[in-house]
Amino acid sequence: MSANSYDKYKRPKHSCNKPLTGDNWCKHCNSKHFEKEFGTWTSDNNHVDELIQKTQTEANDHNKVLEWIRFKSKEIFCVGFLAEGGNGHVYKAKWKSGPIEYYDEEVKGWHRSGEIDIVLKSIKDSKDITDEFFEEIKQQMTSFRQFSYIIRCYGITKIPDSDNYMMIMDYKKDGSLRKYLDKNFRLLKWRQKLNILYTAIKGLLDIHKADLMHKDFHSGNIIISDNFSYIADFGLCKSVNSNAQSHPPYHTIPHDQYLMIDIAKGRRPVPNEDITPPAIINLIERCWNENPNDRPDANELFKTFSSFMQKESEIQTKFDAIDAKMNSNISSPEFSPSLTYTISKDSIYTSRHLILPELSIPFDY
């Protein structure tokens, strides 16, 4: 970085001469700049306006700012449909100007990042916008930190010719962890898998440090980019049960009342010992402990995976040995980087009502 760049980002000129609250960010000055613009835009919903304005006047850095972006302003244009979730649709789009980075005193206006890829999450029936919608945004903003492994929320927009709102969020190119593993599991080294686990736990730990609980933590809500995990709250699908195997949970058996009873009795998927180090299996089994107090918390998991990530650690030799064994199969003509498995015709990965009379029977754990 040049001296001029350093001056621009670290020592900008602000009229108040007060200490910066973030990189190139003066909360005192920028809150006033935002307030001057409040009369130039509206979402047509007082609650949405108040939420956005609150983040803008209280932001200590640009990462904490929400914006209202008019869909018809030619600032946002959709690229394609990504998925349908339980509460709406998810689209990939481009944001022409990109988010605010700092206020440029010379041009008297906001300096923006330039064009970026984004995700648009539509909210079904959001014309009467709900408390849950606001809570989702607030929690995401509270948990997000610079260099955090949490998907950033940039702001809110509205679907053209509709009263439904959309959240504008950061786009990560490799999609959900579930789909990423389906395509790439056999090509991933254990060091890469560890990095995926490590960054997912770091993101979860940041949420807990903000005194929040995710409550929907599964492979559809973990988004991957270059073997780094980012936690989101816009799952591509609802998972029956999240686990550390390479196949969807309970994919070989019918999803009926008997599976529910087996789960209640403590039945668990069996980790593949040929491709899973004993230390990982032990950690998985501890996470399954019927007593929640005996399960490792996010802080312990973070410390454990931090130790696994050390290149000179003894456990790395075991990871490398498994990788060598997996590599011997890559040269096979039958090798495919994608996972191949047959899902039972009665495996249903959506919510539905089941009558479970047998669950009234007490089980012996």
Protein backbone atom coordinates (compact mmCIF):
# COMPACT_ATOMS: atom_id res chain seq x y z
CA MET A 1 0.00 0.00 0.00
CA SER A 2 1.39 3.43 -0.95
CA ALA A 3 1.83 6.29 1.51
CA ASN A 4 -1.00 8.16 -0.24
CA SER A 5 -3.33 5.17 0.11
CA TYR A 6 -2.42 4.86 3.77
CA ASP A 7 -3.21 8.55 4.33
CA LYS A 8 -6.54 8.20 2.54
CA TYR A 9 -7.70 5.19 4.53
CA LYS A 10 -6.09 5.81 7.92
CA ARG A 11 -5.84 9.59 8.31
CA PRO A 12 -8.74 11.20 6.41
CA LYS A 13 -9.59 14.84 6.92
CA HIS A 14 -12.75 15.43 8.94
CA SER A 15 -14.05 18.81 9.97
CA CYS A 16 -14.64 17.76 13.58
CA ASN A 17 -11.05 16.55 14.15
CA LYS A 18 -12.39 13.87 16.51
CA PRO A 19 -10.83 10.38 16.70
CA LEU A 20 -12.02 7.96 14.04
CA THR A 21 -14.35 5.17 15.16
CA GLY A 22 -13.35 2.85 12.29
CA ASP A 23 -11.15 2.71 9.20
CA ASN A 24 -11.72 6.04 7.45
CA TRP A 25 -14.94 6.45 9.43
CA CYS A 26 -16.00 9.32 11.68
CA LYS A 27 -19.26 8.46 13.43
CA HIS A 28 -19.84 12.07 14.50
CA CYS A 29 -19.53 13.52 10.99
CA ASN A 30 -21.06 10.64 9.04
CA SER A 31 -24.21 10.49 11.17
CA LYS A 32 -24.84 14.12 10.20
CA HIS A 33 -24.23 13.35 6.52
CA PHE A 34 -26.80 10.53 6.71
CA GLU A 35 -29.34 12.70 8.55
CA LYS A 36 -29.23 15.29 5.76
CA GLU A 37 -30.29 12.55 3.31
CA PHE A 38 -33.20 11.14 5.35
CA GLY A 39 -35.71 13.26 3.43
CA THR A 40 -34.49 12.05 0.03
CA TRP A 41 -35.65 8.43 0.34
CA THR A 42 -38.31 6.23 1.90
CA SER A 43 -39.16 2.54 1.90
CA ASP A 44 -42.87 3.40 2.30
CA ASN A 45 -42.74 1.69 5.69
CA ASN A 46 -41.97 3.75 8.80
CA HIS A 47 -40.50 0.77 10.67
CA VAL A 48 -38.08 -0.03 7.83
CA ASP A 49 -37.08 3.62 7.56
CA GLU A 50 -36.43 3.85 11.30
CA LEU A 51 -34.32 0.67 11.30
CA ILE A 52 -32.13 1.87 8.42
CA GLN A 53 -31.77 5.37 9.87
CA LYS A 54 -30.81 3.96 13.27
CA THR A 55 -27.96 1.88 11.80
CA GLN A 56 -26.71 4.84 9.78
CA THR A 57 -26.54 7.26 12.71
CA GLU A 58 -25.08 4.70 15.14
CA ALA A 59 -22.55 2.97 12.86
CA ASN A 60 -18.94 2.99 14.09
CA ASP A 61 -17.72 1.81 10.67
CA HIS A 62 -19.09 1.19 7.19
CA ASN A 63 -19.81 -2.50 7.88
CA LYS A 64 -22.61 -1.55 10.29
CA VAL A 65 -24.52 0.61 7.79
CA LEU A 66 -27.81 -0.50 6.24
CA GLU A 67 -29.07 1.21 3.10
CA TRP A 68 -32.37 1.54 1.27
CA ILE A 69 -31.77 0.74 -2.41
CA ARG A 70 -34.55 1.36 -4.92
CA PHE A 71 -34.83 -1.69 -7.18
CA LYS A 72 -35.94 0.42 -10.15
CA SER A 73 -33.01 2.82 -9.81
CA LYS A 74 -30.93 0.58 -12.12
CA GLU A 75 -28.58 0.08 -9.18
CA ILE A 76 -29.61 -3.57 -8.79
CA PHE A 77 -30.19 -6.05 -11.58
CA CYS A 78 -30.96 -9.74 -11.13
CA VAL A 79 -28.66 -12.36 -12.60
CA GLY A 80 -30.65 -15.48 -11.80
CA PHE A 81 -32.67 -17.60 -9.40
CA LEU A 82 -30.67 -19.51 -6.77
CA ALA A 83 -33.15 -21.37 -4.60
CA GLU A 84 -36.49 -21.43 -2.86
CA GLY A 85 -36.47 -21.41 0.91
CA GLY A 86 -39.20 -21.82 3.47
CA ASN A 87 -39.94 -18.09 3.67
CA GLY A 88 -39.18 -16.84 0.18
CA HIS A 89 -36.93 -16.99 -2.85
CA VAL A 90 -33.18 -16.40 -3.12
CA TYR A 91 -31.69 -14.67 -6.17
CA LYS A 92 -28.22 -13.72 -7.32
CA ALA A 93 -27.89 -10.11 -8.45
CA LYS A 94 -25.37 -7.35 -9.09
CA TRP A 95 -25.20 -4.01 -7.29
CA LYS A 96 -23.78 -1.47 -9.71
CA SER A 97 -22.31 1.07 -7.24
CA GLY A 98 -21.82 -1.25 -4.28
CA PRO A 99 -21.99 -0.33 -0.59
CA ILE A 100 -20.73 2.83 1.10
CA GLU A 101 -17.09 2.72 2.25
CA TYR A 102 -16.43 6.26 3.50
CA TYR A 103 -17.42 9.91 3.05
CA ASP A 104 -15.19 11.78 0.62
CA GLU A 105 -14.77 15.34 1.91
CA GLU A 106 -13.29 16.53 -1.40
CA VAL A 107 -16.30 15.58 -3.54
CA LYS A 108 -18.78 15.98 -0.66
CA GLY A 109 -20.30 12.56 -1.18
CA TRP A 110 -20.08 8.88 -0.33
CA HIS A 111 -17.30 6.78 -1.80
CA ARG A 112 -18.59 3.33 -2.77
CA SER A 113 -16.90 0.00 -3.44
CA GLY A 114 -17.96 -0.38 -7.06
CA GLU A 115 -19.95 -3.26 -8.58
CA ILE A 116 -20.32 -6.39 -6.45
CA ASP A 117 -22.29 -9.63 -6.55
CA ILE A 118 -25.10 -9.83 -4.02
CA VAL A 119 -27.89 -12.12 -2.86
CA LEU A 120 -31.49 -10.97 -2.73
CA LYS A 121 -33.69 -12.80 -0.25
CA SER A 122 -37.39 -12.19 -0.80
CA ILE A 123 -39.71 -12.28 2.20
CA LYS A 124 -43.11 -13.81 1.50
CA ASP A 125 -46.11 -11.70 2.46
CA SER A 126 -43.86 -8.96 3.82
CA LYS A 127 -46.16 -6.08 2.86
CA ASP A 128 -47.24 -6.28 6.50
CA ILE A 129 -43.66 -6.55 7.63
CA THR A 130 -43.19 -8.64 10.76
CA ASP A 131 -41.12 -8.41 13.93
CA GLU A 132 -39.32 -11.58 12.79
CA PHE A 133 -38.06 -9.75 9.68
CA PHE A 134 -36.57 -6.98 11.81
CA GLU A 135 -35.10 -9.42 14.31
CA GLU A 136 -33.36 -11.34 11.50
CA ILE A 137 -31.69 -8.17 10.24
CA LYS A 138 -30.84 -6.87 13.73
CA GLN A 139 -29.24 -10.14 14.79
CA GLN A 140 -27.23 -10.37 11.58
CA MET A 141 -26.02 -6.79 12.04
CA THR A 142 -25.23 -7.34 15.74
CA SER A 143 -23.21 -10.49 15.03
CA PHE A 144 -21.32 -9.14 12.03
CA ARG A 145 -17.81 -7.85 12.58
CA GLN A 146 -15.16 -6.82 10.08
CA PHE A 147 -13.24 -9.94 8.98
CA SER A 148 -16.05 -12.03 10.51
CA TYR A 149 -17.29 -15.33 9.07
CA ILE A 150 -20.88 -14.12 8.98
CA ILE A 151 -22.73 -13.09 5.84
CA ARG A 152 -23.03 -9.32 5.73
CA CYS A 153 -26.42 -7.65 5.26
CA TYR A 154 -26.09 -4.49 3.15
CA GLY A 155 -29.64 -3.23 3.24
CA ILE A 156 -33.23 -3.61 2.08
CA THR A 157 -35.09 -3.16 -1.19
CA LYS A 158 -38.58 -3.89 -2.51
CA ILE A 159 -39.66 -6.16 -5.35
CA PRO A 160 -40.88 -4.10 -8.34
CA ASP A 161 -44.68 -4.00 -8.71
CA SER A 162 -45.02 -5.69 -5.33
CA ASP A 163 -45.27 -4.75 -1.67
CA ASN A 164 -42.84 -7.48 -0.63
CA TYR A 165 -39.40 -6.56 0.70
CA MET A 166 -36.02 -8.15 0.03
CA MET A 167 -32.84 -8.33 2.09
CA ILE A 168 -29.60 -7.44 0.27
CA MET A 169 -26.73 -9.67 1.39
CA ASP A 170 -23.19 -10.61 0.46
CA TYR A 171 -22.81 -13.32 -2.21
CA LYS A 172 -20.39 -16.23 -1.79
CA LYS A 173 -19.61 -18.11 -4.98
CA ASP A 174 -19.57 -21.75 -3.80
CA GLY A 175 -23.07 -21.87 -2.29
CA SER A 176 -24.24 -23.88 0.69
CA LEU A 177 -21.99 -26.35 2.50
CA ARG A 178 -24.39 -29.19 1.66
CA LYS A 179 -24.19 -28.55 -2.09
CA TYR A 180 -20.47 -27.80 -1.96
CA LEU A 181 -19.73 -31.16 -0.32
CA ASP A 182 -21.95 -32.95 -2.83
CA LYS A 183 -19.79 -31.60 -5.66
CA ASN A 184 -16.31 -31.51 -4.12
CA PHE A 185 -16.10 -33.86 -1.14
CA ARG A 186 -13.72 -36.37 -2.73
CA LEU A 187 -11.32 -33.63 -3.87
CA LEU A 188 -11.04 -31.86 -0.52
CA LYS A 189 -7.95 -32.43 1.61
CA TRP A 190 -8.43 -32.65 5.34
CA ARG A 191 -6.66 -29.31 5.78
CA GLN A 192 -9.37 -27.76 3.61
CA LYS A 193 -12.12 -29.54 5.52
CA LEU A 194 -10.62 -28.33 8.79
CA ASN A 195 -10.61 -24.76 7.51
CA ILE A 196 -14.29 -25.06 6.62
CA LEU A 197 -15.04 -26.36 10.12
CA TYR A 198 -12.76 -23.84 11.82
CA THR A 199 -14.30 -20.79 10.12
CA ALA A 200 -17.85 -22.07 10.68
CA ILE A 201 -17.15 -22.40 14.40
CA LYS A 202 -15.50 -18.95 14.44
CA GLY A 203 -18.67 -17.47 12.93
CA LEU A 204 -20.85 -19.28 15.46
CA LEU A 205 -18.60 -18.07 18.28
CA ASP A 206 -19.04 -14.46 17.09
CA ILE A 207 -22.81 -14.95 17.27
CA HIS A 208 -22.54 -16.27 20.83
CA LYS A 209 -20.24 -13.39 21.80
CA ALA A 210 -23.06 -11.07 20.71
CA ASP A 211 -25.31 -12.92 23.24
CA LEU A 212 -27.34 -14.48 20.45
CA MET A 213 -28.25 -18.02 19.40
CA HIS A 214 -28.57 -18.96 15.75
CA LYS A 215 -31.32 -21.58 16.36
CA ASP A 216 -31.18 -22.86 12.76
CA PHE A 217 -27.55 -23.91 12.34
CA HIS A 218 -27.29 -26.48 9.54
CA SER A 219 -25.45 -27.09 6.29
CA GLY A 220 -27.89 -25.00 4.25
CA ASN A 221 -27.10 -21.95 6.36
CA ILE A 222 -23.32 -22.32 6.07
CA ILE A 223 -22.14 -20.67 2.85
CA ILE A 224 -18.77 -21.50 1.29
CA SER A 225 -16.24 -19.42 -0.64
CA ASP A 226 -12.68 -20.69 -1.28
CA ASN A 227 -12.97 -23.21 1.58
CA PHE A 228 -14.01 -20.53 4.07
CA SER A 229 -17.38 -20.78 5.84
CA TYR A 230 -19.79 -17.90 6.33
CA ILE A 231 -22.90 -18.24 8.47
CA ALA A 232 -26.18 -17.03 7.01
CA ASP A 233 -29.79 -17.16 8.04
CA PHE A 234 -31.27 -17.70 4.60
CA GLY A 235 -31.00 -21.50 4.35
CA LEU A 236 -31.47 -22.93 0.88
CA CYS A 237 -33.55 -25.69 2.45
CA LYS A 238 -34.57 -26.95 5.88
CA SER A 239 -32.41 -29.80 7.11
CA VAL A 240 -33.85 -32.70 9.09
CA ASN A 241 -30.70 -33.01 11.15
CA SER A 242 -27.21 -31.58 10.64
CA ASN A 243 -24.27 -33.96 10.93
CA ALA A 244 -20.62 -34.29 9.89
CA GLN A 245 -21.05 -37.10 7.35
CA SER A 246 -20.65 -36.77 3.60
CA HIS A 247 -24.25 -37.81 2.86
CA PRO A 248 -27.56 -36.15 3.77
CA PRO A 249 -28.81 -37.36 7.18
CA TYR A 250 -30.66 -40.70 7.20
CA HIS A 251 -30.70 -40.75 3.39
CA THR A 252 -30.93 -44.54 3.04
CA ILE A 253 -34.05 -45.06 5.12
CA PRO A 254 -37.66 -43.83 5.00
CA HIS A 255 -38.43 -40.57 6.79
CA ASP A 256 -41.44 -41.77 8.73
CA GLN A 257 -42.61 -42.11 12.34
CA TYR A 258 -40.19 -45.00 12.92
CA LEU A 259 -37.20 -42.79 12.08
CA MET A 260 -38.52 -40.20 14.55
CA ILE A 261 -38.73 -42.88 17.22
CA ASP A 262 -35.20 -44.14 16.41
CA ILE A 263 -33.84 -40.61 16.76
CA ALA A 264 -35.67 -40.16 20.06
CA LYS A 265 -34.14 -43.44 21.26
CA GLY A 266 -30.67 -42.16 20.43
CA ARG A 267 -29.96 -43.73 17.03
CA ARG A 268 -27.17 -41.88 15.22
CA PRO A 269 -25.58 -42.05 11.74
CA VAL A 270 -22.33 -44.03 11.74
CA PRO A 271 -19.19 -42.02 10.74
CA ASN A 272 -16.98 -43.63 8.08
CA GLU A 273 -13.78 -44.58 9.95
CA ASP A 274 -11.86 -45.11 6.69
CA ILE A 275 -11.98 -41.40 5.81
CA THR A 276 -12.59 -39.78 9.21
CA PRO A 277 -9.78 -39.36 11.78
CA PRO A 278 -10.52 -40.77 15.27
CA ALA A 279 -10.23 -37.29 16.81
CA ILE A 280 -13.03 -36.04 14.56
CA ILE A 281 -15.22 -39.07 15.29
CA ASN A 282 -14.70 -38.53 19.02
CA LEU A 283 -15.72 -34.89 18.65
CA ILE A 284 -18.82 -35.83 16.65
CA GLU A 285 -19.89 -38.35 19.29
CA ARG A 286 -19.36 -35.80 22.07
CA CYS A 287 -21.60 -33.35 20.19
CA TRP A 288 -24.28 -36.08 20.13
CA ASN A 289 -24.19 -36.60 23.90
CA GLU A 290 -27.73 -36.91 25.26
CA ASN A 291 -26.79 -34.54 28.09
CA PRO A 292 -26.35 -31.03 26.61
CA ASN A 293 -24.01 -30.10 29.47
CA ASP A 294 -21.55 -32.77 28.30
CA ARG A 295 -21.41 -31.48 24.73
CA PRO A 296 -18.54 -29.15 23.73
CA ASP A 297 -19.60 -25.52 23.38
CA ALA A 298 -18.52 -23.21 20.55
CA ASN A 299 -15.58 -21.88 22.55
CA GLU A 300 -14.16 -25.37 23.17
CA LEU A 301 -14.74 -26.37 19.54
CA PHE A 302 -12.92 -23.24 18.37
CA LYS A 303 -9.90 -24.05 20.56
CA THR A 304 -9.94 -27.69 19.41
CA PHE A 305 -10.00 -26.83 15.71
CA SER A 306 -7.37 -24.13 16.28
CA SER A 307 -5.05 -26.87 17.57
CA PHE A 308 -5.96 -29.15 14.65
CA MET A 309 -4.99 -26.34 12.25
CA GLN A 310 -1.40 -26.21 13.53
CA LYS A 311 0.77 -27.60 10.71
CA GLU A 312 3.24 -29.29 13.05
CA SER A 313 0.63 -30.91 15.29
CA GLU A 314 0.75 -34.68 15.76
CA ILE A 315 -2.82 -35.07 14.55
CA GLN A 316 -1.92 -33.54 11.18
CA THR A 317 0.05 -36.69 10.30
CA LYS A 318 -3.16 -38.70 10.70
CA PHE A 319 -5.05 -36.27 8.49
CA ASP A 320 -2.28 -36.50 5.87
CA ALA A 321 -2.37 -40.31 5.97
CA ILE A 322 -6.09 -40.34 5.20
CA ASP A 323 -5.55 -37.81 2.39
CA ALA A 324 -2.87 -40.06 0.87
CA LYS A 325 -5.30 -42.98 0.96
CA MET A 326 -8.00 -40.89 -0.72
CA ASN A 327 -5.53 -39.63 -3.35
CA SER A 328 -4.79 -43.18 -4.45
CA ASN A 329 -8.38 -43.41 -5.71
CA ILE A 330 -8.26 -40.22 -7.78
CA SER A 331 -6.36 -41.87 -10.65
CA SER A 332 -9.10 -44.48 -10.99
CA PRO A 333 -11.17 -44.14 -14.20
CA GLU A 334 -14.31 -44.48 -12.08
CA PHE A 335 -13.33 -41.57 -9.81
CA SER A 336 -15.80 -38.70 -9.53
CA PRO A 337 -15.37 -35.58 -7.36
CA SER A 338 -19.09 -35.65 -6.64
CA LEU A 339 -20.67 -37.85 -4.03
CA THR A 340 -22.73 -40.76 -5.29
CA TYR A 341 -25.45 -42.08 -3.05
CA THR A 342 -28.98 -43.35 -3.44
CA ILE A 343 -31.61 -41.53 -1.43
CA SER A 344 -34.52 -43.63 -0.24
CA LYS A 345 -37.73 -42.84 -2.11
CA ASP A 346 -39.30 -42.22 1.30
CA SER A 347 -36.66 -39.69 2.40
CA ILE A 348 -38.40 -36.31 2.51
CA TYR A 349 -36.37 -33.21 3.40
CA THR A 350 -39.31 -30.88 4.06
CA SER A 351 -41.45 -30.26 7.14
CA ARG A 352 -44.63 -32.31 7.49
CA HIS A 353 -47.03 -33.50 10.16
CA LEU A 354 -46.54 -37.02 11.56
CA ILE A 355 -48.73 -38.83 14.08
CA LEU A 356 -46.39 -40.43 16.61
CA PRO A 357 -48.40 -42.40 19.18
CA GLU A 358 -45.35 -44.45 20.19
CA LEU A 359 -43.50 -41.36 21.40
CA SER A 360 -45.78 -41.31 24.43
CA ILE A 361 -43.96 -44.44 25.60
CA PRO A 362 -41.05 -43.53 27.93
CA PHE A 363 -37.66 -44.58 26.53
CA ASP A 364 -34.74 -46.03 28.46
CA TYR A 365 -31.62 -44.02 27.68
